[in-house]
N, C-alpha and C. Protein backbone atom coordinates (compact mmCIF):
# COMPACT_ATOMS: atom_id res chain seq x y z
N MET A 1 -88.24 -48.42 -167.76
CA MET A 1 -89.89 -48.93 -167.11
C MET A 1 -91.23 -49.72 -167.71
N ALA A 2 -91.45 -50.93 -167.27
CA ALA A 2 -92.92 -51.32 -168.16
C ALA A 2 -94.46 -50.51 -167.87
N ARG A 3 -94.90 -50.72 -168.96
CA ARG A 3 -95.48 -50.25 -168.53
C ARG A 3 -97.31 -50.94 -168.71
N THR A 4 -98.22 -50.69 -168.13
CA THR A 4 -99.66 -52.13 -167.46
C THR A 4 -100.35 -51.39 -168.98
N PRO A 5 -101.69 -52.21 -169.77
CA PRO A 5 -101.91 -52.08 -170.42
C PRO A 5 -102.99 -50.47 -170.06
N ARG A 6 -103.47 -50.64 -168.87
CA ARG A 6 -103.87 -49.13 -168.51
C ARG A 6 -103.24 -48.12 -168.93
N GLU A 7 -101.85 -47.76 -168.16
CA GLU A 7 -100.91 -46.85 -168.79
C GLU A 7 -101.49 -46.67 -169.47
N THR A 8 -100.13 -47.48 -170.96
CA THR A 8 -99.76 -47.31 -172.10
C THR A 8 -102.04 -46.73 -172.66
N GLU A 9 -102.24 -47.12 -172.71
CA GLU A 9 -103.75 -46.55 -173.34
C GLU A 9 -104.33 -45.15 -173.12
N GLU A 10 -104.03 -44.51 -171.92
CA GLU A 10 -104.14 -42.89 -171.72
C GLU A 10 -103.58 -41.85 -172.48
N ALA A 11 -104.27 -41.38 -172.83
CA ALA A 11 -103.72 -40.44 -173.81
C ALA A 11 -102.62 -38.91 -173.67
N LYS A 12 -103.04 -38.49 -172.24
CA LYS A 12 -101.92 -38.02 -171.85
C LYS A 12 -101.05 -38.35 -170.48
N PRO A 13 -100.49 -38.92 -170.88
CA PRO A 13 -99.18 -38.51 -169.61
C PRO A 13 -99.15 -37.68 -168.40
N PRO A 14 -98.96 -37.67 -167.15
CA PRO A 14 -99.15 -37.45 -166.41
C PRO A 14 -98.08 -36.12 -166.17
N SER A 15 -98.57 -34.58 -166.06
CA SER A 15 -97.08 -33.82 -165.43
C SER A 15 -95.96 -34.39 -164.51
N PHE A 16 -96.68 -35.15 -164.33
CA PHE A 16 -95.28 -34.99 -162.58
C PHE A 16 -94.71 -36.48 -162.75
N ALA A 17 -94.18 -37.13 -161.74
CA ALA A 17 -93.30 -38.27 -161.45
C ALA A 17 -94.14 -39.56 -161.32
N MET A 18 -94.53 -40.58 -161.34
CA MET A 18 -95.09 -41.41 -160.94
C MET A 18 -93.54 -42.50 -160.63
N LEU A 19 -94.18 -43.22 -159.76
CA LEU A 19 -93.14 -45.12 -159.26
C LEU A 19 -94.04 -45.87 -159.58
N ARG A 20 -93.37 -47.06 -160.65
CA ARG A 20 -94.40 -48.03 -160.18
C ARG A 20 -93.71 -48.96 -159.37
N ASP A 21 -93.46 -49.68 -158.62
CA ASP A 21 -92.52 -50.12 -157.38
C ASP A 21 -92.60 -51.97 -157.57
N PHE A 22 -91.92 -52.35 -158.82
CA PHE A 22 -91.72 -53.90 -158.72
C PHE A 22 -91.49 -54.41 -158.52
N GLY A 23 -91.47 -55.35 -157.43
CA GLY A 23 -90.87 -55.89 -156.11
C GLY A 23 -90.96 -55.16 -154.83
N ASN A 24 -91.48 -54.05 -155.00
CA ASN A 24 -92.22 -53.23 -154.00
C ASN A 24 -90.68 -53.58 -153.35
N GLU A 25 -89.56 -52.73 -153.58
CA GLU A 25 -88.50 -52.49 -153.43
C GLU A 25 -88.65 -51.20 -151.86
N VAL A 26 -89.66 -50.24 -152.91
CA VAL A 26 -89.43 -48.84 -152.50
C VAL A 26 -90.42 -48.50 -151.09
N ALA A 27 -91.37 -49.69 -151.09
CA ALA A 27 -92.28 -50.25 -150.34
C ALA A 27 -91.74 -50.22 -149.20
N GLU A 28 -91.16 -51.99 -149.30
CA GLU A 28 -90.56 -52.14 -148.15
C GLU A 28 -89.47 -51.06 -147.55
N ALA A 29 -88.64 -50.63 -147.74
CA ALA A 29 -87.97 -49.70 -147.30
C ALA A 29 -89.01 -48.28 -147.23
N TYR A 30 -90.00 -48.27 -147.17
CA TYR A 30 -91.47 -47.07 -146.47
C TYR A 30 -91.27 -48.14 -145.58
N GLY A 31 -91.07 -49.04 -144.78
CA GLY A 31 -92.27 -49.54 -144.11
C GLY A 31 -93.46 -50.24 -144.34
N LEU A 32 -94.21 -50.73 -145.85
CA LEU A 32 -95.57 -50.33 -146.35
C LEU A 32 -95.44 -51.68 -146.87
N VAL A 33 -94.81 -53.05 -146.22
CA VAL A 33 -95.41 -53.85 -147.16
C VAL A 33 -95.59 -55.05 -146.08
N PHE A 34 -97.07 -55.72 -146.75
CA PHE A 34 -97.41 -56.96 -145.57
C PHE A 34 -97.35 -58.42 -146.63
N THR A 35 -97.67 -59.11 -146.16
CA THR A 35 -97.79 -60.28 -145.67
C THR A 35 -98.62 -61.23 -146.05
N LEU A 36 -99.96 -61.49 -147.21
CA LEU A 36 -101.20 -61.63 -147.13
C LEU A 36 -100.91 -63.05 -146.71
N PRO A 37 -101.72 -63.50 -145.55
CA PRO A 37 -102.24 -64.66 -144.55
C PRO A 37 -103.09 -65.57 -145.73
N ASP A 38 -102.31 -66.81 -144.93
CA ASP A 38 -102.77 -67.91 -145.68
C ASP A 38 -104.47 -68.14 -146.77
N ASP A 39 -105.13 -68.11 -145.03
CA ASP A 39 -107.40 -67.45 -145.44
C ASP A 39 -107.27 -65.89 -146.98
N LEU A 40 -106.52 -65.71 -146.89
CA LEU A 40 -106.15 -64.38 -147.71
C LEU A 40 -105.58 -64.88 -149.54
N ARG A 41 -104.61 -66.18 -149.34
CA ARG A 41 -104.01 -66.34 -150.57
C ARG A 41 -104.96 -67.62 -151.18
N ALA A 42 -105.95 -68.21 -150.01
CA ALA A 42 -106.32 -69.58 -150.80
C ALA A 42 -107.96 -68.91 -152.15
N ILE A 43 -108.09 -67.97 -151.16
CA ILE A 43 -109.50 -67.24 -151.99
C ILE A 43 -108.52 -66.62 -153.12
N TYR A 44 -107.63 -65.52 -152.82
CA TYR A 44 -106.86 -64.84 -154.14
C TYR A 44 -107.03 -66.00 -155.25
N LEU A 45 -106.06 -67.09 -154.99
CA LEU A 45 -106.11 -69.13 -156.05
C LEU A 45 -107.54 -68.37 -156.39
N LYS A 46 -108.51 -69.26 -155.61
CA LYS A 46 -110.18 -69.26 -156.13
C LYS A 46 -110.47 -68.71 -157.12
N PHE A 47 -109.82 -66.77 -157.00
CA PHE A 47 -110.16 -66.14 -158.36
C PHE A 47 -109.16 -66.41 -159.25
N GLY A 48 -108.56 -67.27 -159.27
CA GLY A 48 -107.20 -67.05 -160.42
C GLY A 48 -106.16 -66.17 -160.87
N ILE A 49 -106.00 -65.43 -158.75
CA ILE A 49 -104.63 -64.59 -158.28
C ILE A 49 -104.13 -65.32 -158.35
N ASP A 50 -102.69 -65.69 -158.95
CA ASP A 50 -101.90 -66.10 -158.34
C ASP A 50 -100.58 -64.61 -158.03
N LEU A 51 -100.60 -64.22 -157.28
CA LEU A 51 -99.82 -63.09 -156.34
C LEU A 51 -98.60 -63.02 -156.43
N ALA A 52 -97.63 -64.50 -156.23
CA ALA A 52 -96.47 -64.68 -156.21
C ALA A 52 -96.26 -64.99 -157.96
N ARG A 53 -97.06 -65.43 -158.46
CA ARG A 53 -96.57 -65.61 -159.76
C ARG A 53 -96.85 -63.96 -160.54
N GLY A 54 -97.92 -63.11 -160.11
CA GLY A 54 -97.74 -61.67 -160.90
C GLY A 54 -96.17 -60.62 -160.28
N ASN A 55 -96.53 -61.06 -158.77
CA ASN A 55 -95.06 -60.12 -158.53
C ASN A 55 -93.43 -60.59 -158.84
N GLY A 56 -93.93 -61.79 -160.18
CA GLY A 56 -92.00 -62.14 -160.27
C GLY A 56 -91.69 -62.63 -159.02
N ASP A 57 -91.63 -62.66 -157.87
CA ASP A 57 -90.26 -62.95 -156.88
C ASP A 57 -91.05 -63.83 -156.47
N GLY A 58 -92.05 -64.96 -156.72
CA GLY A 58 -93.16 -66.26 -155.17
C GLY A 58 -93.12 -65.84 -153.78
N THR A 59 -93.01 -64.55 -154.42
CA THR A 59 -94.11 -63.63 -152.96
C THR A 59 -95.21 -63.33 -152.88
N TRP A 60 -95.92 -63.12 -151.05
CA TRP A 60 -97.61 -62.98 -151.82
C TRP A 60 -97.53 -62.25 -150.86
N ARG A 61 -96.71 -61.11 -151.41
CA ARG A 61 -96.45 -59.57 -150.23
C ARG A 61 -97.31 -58.56 -151.16
N LEU A 62 -98.57 -57.24 -150.77
CA LEU A 62 -98.41 -56.49 -150.77
C LEU A 62 -97.54 -55.69 -151.24
N PRO A 63 -98.12 -54.19 -151.28
CA PRO A 63 -97.70 -52.53 -150.86
C PRO A 63 -98.83 -52.38 -149.57
N VAL A 64 -98.62 -51.41 -148.59
CA VAL A 64 -99.98 -51.05 -148.22
C VAL A 64 -100.46 -49.78 -149.34
N PRO A 65 -101.94 -49.41 -149.72
CA PRO A 65 -101.48 -48.66 -150.57
C PRO A 65 -101.32 -46.93 -150.03
N ALA A 66 -100.94 -46.38 -150.21
CA ALA A 66 -100.35 -44.91 -149.98
C ALA A 66 -99.53 -44.24 -151.22
N ARG A 67 -99.82 -42.81 -150.19
CA ARG A 67 -99.45 -41.50 -151.53
C ARG A 67 -98.08 -41.29 -151.36
N LEU A 68 -97.07 -40.83 -151.09
CA LEU A 68 -96.19 -40.33 -150.88
C LEU A 68 -95.98 -38.94 -151.78
N VAL A 69 -95.63 -37.66 -150.93
CA VAL A 69 -95.52 -36.61 -151.85
C VAL A 69 -93.88 -37.00 -151.05
N VAL A 70 -93.18 -36.69 -152.58
CA VAL A 70 -91.61 -36.47 -152.01
C VAL A 70 -90.98 -34.43 -153.16
N ASP A 71 -90.71 -33.73 -152.20
CA ASP A 71 -89.45 -32.85 -153.11
C ASP A 71 -88.57 -33.77 -154.03
N ARG A 72 -87.70 -32.64 -154.92
CA ARG A 72 -86.77 -33.03 -155.39
C ARG A 72 -85.70 -33.42 -154.55
N GLN A 73 -85.54 -32.74 -153.88
CA GLN A 73 -84.55 -32.57 -152.39
C GLN A 73 -84.08 -34.72 -152.49
N GLY A 74 -85.70 -34.67 -152.61
CA GLY A 74 -85.38 -36.35 -151.76
C GLY A 74 -86.48 -36.50 -150.57
N ILE A 75 -86.38 -34.73 -149.93
CA ILE A 75 -87.47 -35.01 -148.27
C ILE A 75 -88.81 -35.23 -148.47
N VAL A 76 -89.62 -36.42 -148.10
CA VAL A 76 -91.33 -36.45 -148.29
C VAL A 76 -91.86 -35.80 -146.83
N ARG A 77 -92.62 -34.69 -148.00
CA ARG A 77 -93.45 -33.71 -147.47
C ARG A 77 -94.38 -34.22 -147.26
N ASP A 78 -95.11 -34.82 -147.07
CA ASP A 78 -96.53 -35.67 -146.77
C ASP A 78 -96.54 -37.60 -147.54
N VAL A 79 -97.46 -37.83 -146.28
CA VAL A 79 -97.63 -39.04 -146.86
C VAL A 79 -99.25 -39.41 -146.19
N ASP A 80 -99.71 -40.24 -146.94
CA ASP A 80 -100.71 -40.65 -146.54
C ASP A 80 -101.17 -42.37 -146.67
N ALA A 81 -100.84 -43.24 -145.94
CA ALA A 81 -100.86 -44.17 -145.76
C ALA A 81 -101.69 -45.50 -145.01
N ASP A 82 -103.30 -46.06 -145.29
CA ASP A 82 -104.35 -47.27 -144.56
C ASP A 82 -103.81 -47.84 -145.49
N PRO A 83 -103.44 -49.51 -144.47
CA PRO A 83 -104.23 -50.30 -144.77
C PRO A 83 -105.96 -50.56 -145.31
N ASP A 84 -106.34 -49.77 -145.37
CA ASP A 84 -107.70 -50.58 -145.80
C ASP A 84 -107.53 -49.89 -146.81
N TYR A 85 -107.73 -50.80 -147.99
CA TYR A 85 -107.17 -50.32 -149.74
C TYR A 85 -109.44 -49.63 -150.37
N THR A 86 -109.62 -49.39 -149.10
CA THR A 86 -110.67 -48.64 -149.51
C THR A 86 -111.11 -46.99 -149.32
N ARG A 87 -110.20 -47.00 -148.94
CA ARG A 87 -109.72 -45.47 -148.12
C ARG A 87 -109.21 -45.09 -148.47
N ARG A 88 -108.90 -44.01 -149.41
CA ARG A 88 -108.07 -43.31 -150.74
C ARG A 88 -107.84 -42.21 -150.17
N SER A 89 -106.81 -41.14 -150.30
CA SER A 89 -105.86 -39.95 -150.69
C SER A 89 -107.32 -39.09 -151.86
N GLU A 90 -108.10 -38.02 -150.53
CA GLU A 90 -108.96 -37.45 -152.17
C GLU A 90 -108.00 -36.60 -153.34
N PRO A 91 -108.04 -36.91 -154.56
CA PRO A 91 -106.83 -36.39 -155.80
C PRO A 91 -106.39 -34.55 -155.38
N ALA A 92 -108.03 -34.25 -154.59
CA ALA A 92 -108.05 -32.44 -154.60
C ALA A 92 -106.79 -31.78 -153.74
N ARG A 93 -106.41 -32.68 -152.69
CA ARG A 93 -105.52 -32.49 -151.20
C ARG A 93 -104.22 -32.67 -152.00
N THR A 94 -103.23 -33.45 -152.46
CA THR A 94 -102.63 -33.55 -153.14
C THR A 94 -102.28 -33.01 -154.11
N VAL A 95 -103.09 -32.26 -154.96
CA VAL A 95 -102.27 -31.04 -155.89
C VAL A 95 -102.42 -29.59 -154.28
N GLU A 96 -103.43 -30.41 -153.85
CA GLU A 96 -103.51 -28.69 -153.21
C GLU A 96 -100.94 -29.15 -152.08
N ILE A 97 -101.32 -29.98 -151.73
CA ILE A 97 -100.08 -30.50 -151.46
C ILE A 97 -98.48 -30.09 -152.09
N LEU A 98 -98.88 -30.73 -153.27
CA LEU A 98 -97.80 -29.93 -154.33
C LEU A 98 -97.53 -28.46 -154.71
N ARG A 99 -98.77 -27.74 -155.13
CA ARG A 99 -99.02 -26.13 -154.44
C ARG A 99 -98.07 -25.91 -153.91
N SER A 100 -98.41 -26.27 -152.77
CA SER A 100 -97.88 -25.88 -151.48
C SER A 100 -96.41 -25.82 -151.36
N LEU A 101 -95.40 -26.75 -152.04
CA LEU A 101 -94.03 -26.80 -152.02
C LEU A 101 -93.29 -25.21 -152.64
N PRO A 102 -92.84 -25.16 -151.52
CA PRO A 102 -91.61 -23.72 -152.12
C PRO A 102 -91.29 -23.69 -153.95
N GLY A 103 -91.42 -23.04 -154.39
CA GLY A 103 -91.28 -22.82 -156.17
C GLY A 103 -90.57 -23.52 -156.55
N LYS A 104 -89.53 -24.21 -156.89
CA LYS A 104 -88.94 -24.70 -157.57
C LYS A 104 -89.41 -26.79 -157.37
N GLU A 105 -90.51 -26.47 -156.59
CA GLU A 105 -90.73 -28.01 -155.58
C GLU A 105 -92.21 -28.30 -156.82
N ARG A 106 -92.53 -27.46 -157.84
CA ARG A 106 -94.13 -27.66 -158.00
C ARG A 106 -94.18 -28.06 -159.11
N ALA A 107 -95.25 -28.95 -159.03
CA ALA A 107 -94.97 -29.90 -160.35
C ALA A 107 -95.62 -29.24 -161.25
C-alpha cells in the first residue's frame, strides 16, 4: 500500500485498519463516487490541481466523503456519508460505534 507524505510523518500508526482507495474502486462499489462537472474542472486546473493526473486513471472522479465501520465478517455496521465535504463525522462517534461492536470485533 502506498503512503502519502502525511501518513509517513505520523509518529504512531493507528491501532485499526484504514483503507486508502486508489482508483476509487471501493467507493464505486458503495456508490460513493461522483464526476466533477466541467465548471469545477476549470477551477481545479486554475489552482494547478489536475485531478485526472492525480487519480492516475485520467478521470475527474472523487469519492463522497464517508466513514464506514465494517466488522471482521465484512458486515457494514455504520455509515456516515455526505456530499458536503465540510460536514464530517465526529471522531468520538466513530469510537463509540467501534466500542459497541460485539467482543471480537473491537478495534
